[in-house]
């Protein structure tokens, strides 16, 4: 069970993790070898699927998920 992240695609999960680490869209694009426009779409999709309006919310959710697994 992946909790709230279960509805995300593998690429969206990667983007969400990097957002949670404080990476900008440009940094995520370079890391994942994607265009910045594609990253913007992934991040927007992550926010929508998780019902969040900010990157900070994604960071908080992932922090709670990581803490629950340890």
Protein backbone atom coordinates (compact mmCIF):
# COMPACT_ATOMS: atom_id res chain seq x y z
CA UNK A 1 0.00 0.00 0.00
CA UNK A 2 1.42 3.36 -1.03
CA UNK A 3 -1.18 5.52 0.71
CA UNK A 4 -1.96 8.81 -0.99
CA UNK A 5 0.83 8.32 -3.51
CA UNK A 6 -0.81 5.19 -4.95
CA UNK A 7 -2.68 7.23 -7.56
CA UNK A 8 0.49 8.76 -8.97
CA UNK A 9 2.41 7.40 -11.93
CA UNK A 10 6.00 6.33 -11.30
CA UNK A 11 7.28 9.53 -12.96
CA UNK A 12 4.91 11.65 -10.87
CA UNK A 13 6.24 9.93 -7.74
CA UNK A 14 9.79 10.78 -8.80
CA UNK A 15 8.82 14.40 -9.40
CA UNK A 16 6.97 14.57 -6.08
CA UNK A 17 10.01 13.25 -4.21
CA UNK A 18 12.22 15.86 -5.82
CA UNK A 19 9.68 18.60 -5.08
CA UNK A 20 9.71 17.43 -1.46
CA UNK A 21 13.50 17.73 -1.49
CA UNK A 22 13.14 21.39 -2.45
CA UNK A 23 14.16 21.07 -6.09
CA UNK A 24 12.94 23.62 -8.63
CA UNK A 25 11.27 22.56 -11.87
CA UNK A 26 14.50 23.34 -13.73
CA UNK A 27 16.51 21.18 -11.33
CA UNK A 28 14.00 18.34 -11.59
CA UNK A 29 14.07 18.58 -15.40
CA UNK A 30 17.86 18.29 -15.44
CA UNK A 31 17.85 15.40 -12.98
CA UNK A 32 15.18 13.40 -14.84
CA UNK A 33 16.34 14.40 -18.34
CA UNK A 34 12.98 16.00 -19.16
CA UNK A 35 11.95 19.40 -20.45
CA UNK A 36 10.95 21.95 -17.86
CA UNK A 37 7.49 22.06 -19.47
CA UNK A 38 7.06 18.32 -18.91
CA UNK A 39 8.09 18.70 -15.27
CA UNK A 40 5.57 21.53 -14.85
CA UNK A 41 2.86 19.17 -16.13
CA UNK A 42 3.96 16.38 -13.78
CA UNK A 43 4.05 18.72 -10.77
CA UNK A 44 0.64 20.16 -11.68
CA UNK A 45 -0.75 16.63 -11.99
CA UNK A 46 0.75 15.65 -8.61
CA UNK A 47 -0.81 18.68 -6.94
CA UNK A 48 -4.19 17.94 -8.51
CA UNK A 49 -4.19 14.24 -7.69
CA UNK A 50 -3.16 14.91 -4.10
CA UNK A 51 -5.66 17.76 -3.71
CA UNK A 52 -2.96 20.24 -2.81
CA UNK A 53 -2.32 23.79 -3.87
CA UNK A 54 1.37 24.10 -3.02
CA UNK A 55 4.69 22.34 -3.28
CA UNK A 56 5.03 22.78 0.48
CA UNK A 57 2.00 20.56 0.97
CA UNK A 58 3.64 17.83 -1.12
CA UNK A 59 6.81 18.13 0.98
CA UNK A 60 4.81 17.79 4.19
CA UNK A 61 2.88 14.78 2.91
CA UNK A 62 6.03 12.98 1.83
CA UNK A 63 7.74 13.78 5.11
CA UNK A 64 4.82 12.23 7.00
CA UNK A 65 4.84 9.20 4.69
CA UNK A 66 8.58 8.70 5.17
CA UNK A 67 8.25 9.04 8.96
CA UNK A 68 5.42 6.49 9.04
CA UNK A 69 7.60 3.92 7.24
CA UNK A 70 10.42 4.13 9.80
